[in-house]
Amino acid sequence: MLPAELRARDGIRPGQQFVIERLDRGQYHLTRREPPPNEGLTDWLLACPEKGFFVPFESESTDTL
């Protein structure tokens, strides 16, 4: 767990993920992992309380347009 001072200084929020690289014994390099755009969007839409708000559909290739 990172100390609160470091989390506050670097704007680290709960749930953020990091890539950890071991440099040497007891030394590590942390790089904040940026989530891909729209990660979790489908789950969020499917959890919408209004039923039928989001309906998945088959997509077509843009080659046929």
N, C-alpha and C. Protein backbone atom coordinates (compact mmCIF):
# COMPACT_ATOMS: atom_id res chain seq x y z
N MET A 1 0.84 -1.18 0.00
CA MET A 1 0.00 0.00 0.00
C MET A 1 0.89 1.24 0.00
N LEU A 2 0.53 2.20 -0.83
CA LEU A 2 1.30 3.43 -0.90
C LEU A 2 0.87 4.40 0.20
N PRO A 3 1.82 5.12 0.77
CA PRO A 3 1.46 6.09 1.81
C PRO A 3 0.50 7.16 1.26
N ALA A 4 -0.36 7.66 2.13
CA ALA A 4 -1.37 8.66 1.75
C ALA A 4 -0.73 9.89 1.12
N GLU A 5 0.43 10.30 1.62
CA GLU A 5 1.11 11.49 1.09
C GLU A 5 1.45 11.31 -0.39
N LEU A 6 1.96 10.13 -0.76
CA LEU A 6 2.28 9.87 -2.17
C LEU A 6 1.03 9.80 -3.02
N ARG A 7 -0.01 9.15 -2.50
CA ARG A 7 -1.27 9.06 -3.26
C ARG A 7 -1.85 10.44 -3.52
N ALA A 8 -1.83 11.29 -2.51
CA ALA A 8 -2.38 12.65 -2.67
C ALA A 8 -1.53 13.47 -3.64
N ARG A 9 -0.23 13.37 -3.51
CA ARG A 9 0.67 14.17 -4.35
C ARG A 9 0.54 13.80 -5.82
N ASP A 10 0.34 12.52 -6.11
CA ASP A 10 0.28 12.06 -7.50
C ASP A 10 -1.13 11.81 -8.00
N GLY A 11 -2.13 12.14 -7.20
CA GLY A 11 -3.52 11.99 -7.65
C GLY A 11 -3.93 10.55 -7.88
N ILE A 12 -3.42 9.64 -7.04
CA ILE A 12 -3.76 8.23 -7.17
C ILE A 12 -5.08 7.97 -6.47
N ARG A 13 -6.03 7.40 -7.22
CA ARG A 13 -7.37 7.14 -6.69
C ARG A 13 -7.57 5.64 -6.49
N PRO A 14 -8.48 5.25 -5.60
CA PRO A 14 -8.78 3.84 -5.40
C PRO A 14 -9.21 3.19 -6.72
N GLY A 15 -8.75 1.98 -6.94
CA GLY A 15 -9.14 1.24 -8.13
C GLY A 15 -8.20 1.42 -9.32
N GLN A 16 -7.31 2.41 -9.27
CA GLN A 16 -6.38 2.58 -10.39
C GLN A 16 -5.41 1.41 -10.42
N GLN A 17 -4.95 1.05 -11.60
CA GLN A 17 -4.05 -0.09 -11.76
C GLN A 17 -2.68 0.39 -12.22
N PHE A 18 -1.66 -0.39 -11.87
CA PHE A 18 -0.28 -0.04 -12.20
C PHE A 18 0.44 -1.24 -12.78
N VAL A 19 1.40 -0.97 -13.65
CA VAL A 19 2.33 -1.98 -14.12
C VAL A 19 3.54 -1.86 -13.20
N ILE A 20 3.97 -2.99 -12.64
CA ILE A 20 5.09 -2.98 -11.69
C ILE A 20 6.27 -3.70 -12.33
N GLU A 21 7.41 -3.01 -12.37
CA GLU A 21 8.63 -3.57 -12.92
C GLU A 21 9.66 -3.67 -11.80
N ARG A 22 10.21 -4.85 -11.61
CA ARG A 22 11.22 -5.03 -10.57
C ARG A 22 12.57 -4.54 -11.11
N LEU A 23 13.17 -3.59 -10.42
CA LEU A 23 14.47 -3.06 -10.83
C LEU A 23 15.60 -3.81 -10.14
N ASP A 24 15.44 -4.05 -8.84
CA ASP A 24 16.44 -4.72 -8.04
C ASP A 24 15.76 -5.17 -6.76
N ARG A 25 16.48 -5.86 -5.92
CA ARG A 25 15.88 -6.31 -4.67
C ARG A 25 15.37 -5.12 -3.86
N GLY A 26 14.06 -5.10 -3.64
CA GLY A 26 13.45 -4.02 -2.86
C GLY A 26 13.21 -2.74 -3.65
N GLN A 27 13.52 -2.72 -4.95
CA GLN A 27 13.32 -1.53 -5.76
C GLN A 27 12.40 -1.87 -6.93
N TYR A 28 11.34 -1.06 -7.07
CA TYR A 28 10.35 -1.31 -8.10
C TYR A 28 9.98 0.00 -8.78
N HIS A 29 9.57 -0.13 -10.03
CA HIS A 29 9.11 1.03 -10.81
C HIS A 29 7.64 0.82 -11.11
N LEU A 30 6.79 1.76 -10.68
CA LEU A 30 5.36 1.68 -10.92
C LEU A 30 4.97 2.65 -12.02
N THR A 31 4.20 2.17 -12.98
CA THR A 31 3.68 3.01 -14.05
C THR A 31 2.17 2.88 -14.05
N ARG A 32 1.49 4.02 -13.98
CA ARG A 32 0.04 4.00 -13.96
C ARG A 32 -0.48 3.42 -15.27
N ARG A 33 -1.38 2.45 -15.16
CA ARG A 33 -1.98 1.82 -16.34
C ARG A 33 -3.25 2.59 -16.67
N GLU A 34 -3.27 3.18 -17.84
CA GLU A 34 -4.45 3.90 -18.29
C GLU A 34 -5.43 2.91 -18.89
N PRO A 35 -6.66 2.89 -18.43
CA PRO A 35 -7.62 1.95 -19.01
C PRO A 35 -7.92 2.30 -20.45
N PRO A 36 -8.19 1.29 -21.27
CA PRO A 36 -8.56 1.57 -22.66
C PRO A 36 -9.83 2.43 -22.69
N PRO A 37 -9.99 3.25 -23.72
CA PRO A 37 -11.21 4.06 -23.81
C PRO A 37 -12.45 3.17 -23.74
N ASN A 38 -13.43 3.62 -23.00
CA ASN A 38 -14.72 2.93 -22.86
C ASN A 38 -14.65 1.60 -22.12
N GLU A 39 -13.56 1.35 -21.38
CA GLU A 39 -13.49 0.11 -20.61
C GLU A 39 -14.64 0.08 -19.60
N GLY A 40 -15.41 -0.96 -19.62
CA GLY A 40 -16.52 -1.11 -18.69
C GLY A 40 -17.81 -0.45 -19.15
N LEU A 41 -17.81 0.20 -20.29
CA LEU A 41 -19.00 0.92 -20.76
C LEU A 41 -20.16 -0.03 -21.02
N THR A 42 -19.90 -1.17 -21.65
CA THR A 42 -20.98 -2.11 -21.94
C THR A 42 -21.62 -2.62 -20.66
N ASP A 43 -20.79 -2.98 -19.67
CA ASP A 43 -21.33 -3.44 -18.38
C ASP A 43 -22.18 -2.35 -17.74
N TRP A 44 -21.72 -1.10 -17.82
CA TRP A 44 -22.46 0.01 -17.23
C TRP A 44 -23.81 0.18 -17.93
N LEU A 45 -23.81 0.12 -19.26
CA LEU A 45 -25.06 0.27 -20.00
C LEU A 45 -26.02 -0.88 -19.72
N LEU A 46 -25.49 -2.10 -19.66
CA LEU A 46 -26.36 -3.25 -19.39
C LEU A 46 -26.94 -3.22 -17.98
N ALA A 47 -26.28 -2.51 -17.06
CA ALA A 47 -26.76 -2.41 -15.69
C ALA A 47 -27.78 -1.28 -15.52
N CYS A 48 -28.11 -0.58 -16.59
CA CYS A 48 -29.05 0.54 -16.53
C CYS A 48 -30.39 0.04 -15.98
N PRO A 49 -30.97 0.76 -15.01
CA PRO A 49 -32.23 0.31 -14.42
C PRO A 49 -33.41 0.35 -15.39
N GLU A 50 -33.33 1.16 -16.43
CA GLU A 50 -34.43 1.21 -17.40
C GLU A 50 -34.24 0.09 -18.40
N LYS A 51 -35.09 -0.92 -18.34
CA LYS A 51 -34.95 -2.09 -19.20
C LYS A 51 -35.13 -1.71 -20.67
N GLY A 52 -34.32 -2.31 -21.52
CA GLY A 52 -34.40 -2.05 -22.95
C GLY A 52 -33.68 -0.79 -23.39
N PHE A 53 -33.00 -0.10 -22.43
CA PHE A 53 -32.28 1.12 -22.78
C PHE A 53 -31.14 0.82 -23.75
N PHE A 54 -30.44 -0.27 -23.49
CA PHE A 54 -29.30 -0.65 -24.34
C PHE A 54 -29.52 -2.07 -24.82
N VAL A 55 -29.49 -2.26 -26.11
CA VAL A 55 -29.67 -3.59 -26.69
C VAL A 55 -28.48 -3.84 -27.62
N PRO A 56 -27.66 -4.86 -27.31
CA PRO A 56 -26.55 -5.18 -28.22
C PRO A 56 -27.08 -5.57 -29.60
N PHE A 57 -26.34 -5.25 -30.63
CA PHE A 57 -26.75 -5.61 -31.99
C PHE A 57 -25.55 -6.10 -32.77
N GLU A 58 -25.84 -6.86 -33.81
CA GLU A 58 -24.79 -7.36 -34.70
C GLU A 58 -24.28 -6.19 -35.52
N SER A 59 -22.99 -6.06 -35.63
CA SER A 59 -22.44 -4.98 -36.46
C SER A 59 -21.96 -5.55 -37.78
N GLU A 60 -21.91 -4.70 -38.75
CA GLU A 60 -21.45 -5.10 -40.08
C GLU A 60 -20.12 -4.45 -40.37
N SER A 61 -19.42 -5.01 -41.30
CA SER A 61 -18.16 -4.45 -41.72
C SER A 61 -18.40 -3.15 -42.46
N THR A 62 -17.52 -2.20 -42.31
CA THR A 62 -17.65 -0.95 -43.07
C THR A 62 -17.32 -1.15 -44.54
N ASP A 63 -16.76 -2.32 -44.89
CA ASP A 63 -16.46 -2.61 -46.29
C ASP A 63 -17.72 -2.72 -47.13
N THR A 64 -18.86 -3.05 -46.50
CA THR A 64 -20.10 -3.23 -47.26
C THR A 64 -20.88 -1.92 -47.41
N LEU A 65 -20.42 -0.87 -46.79
CA LEU A 65 -21.14 0.42 -46.88
C LEU A 65 -20.85 1.15 -48.17
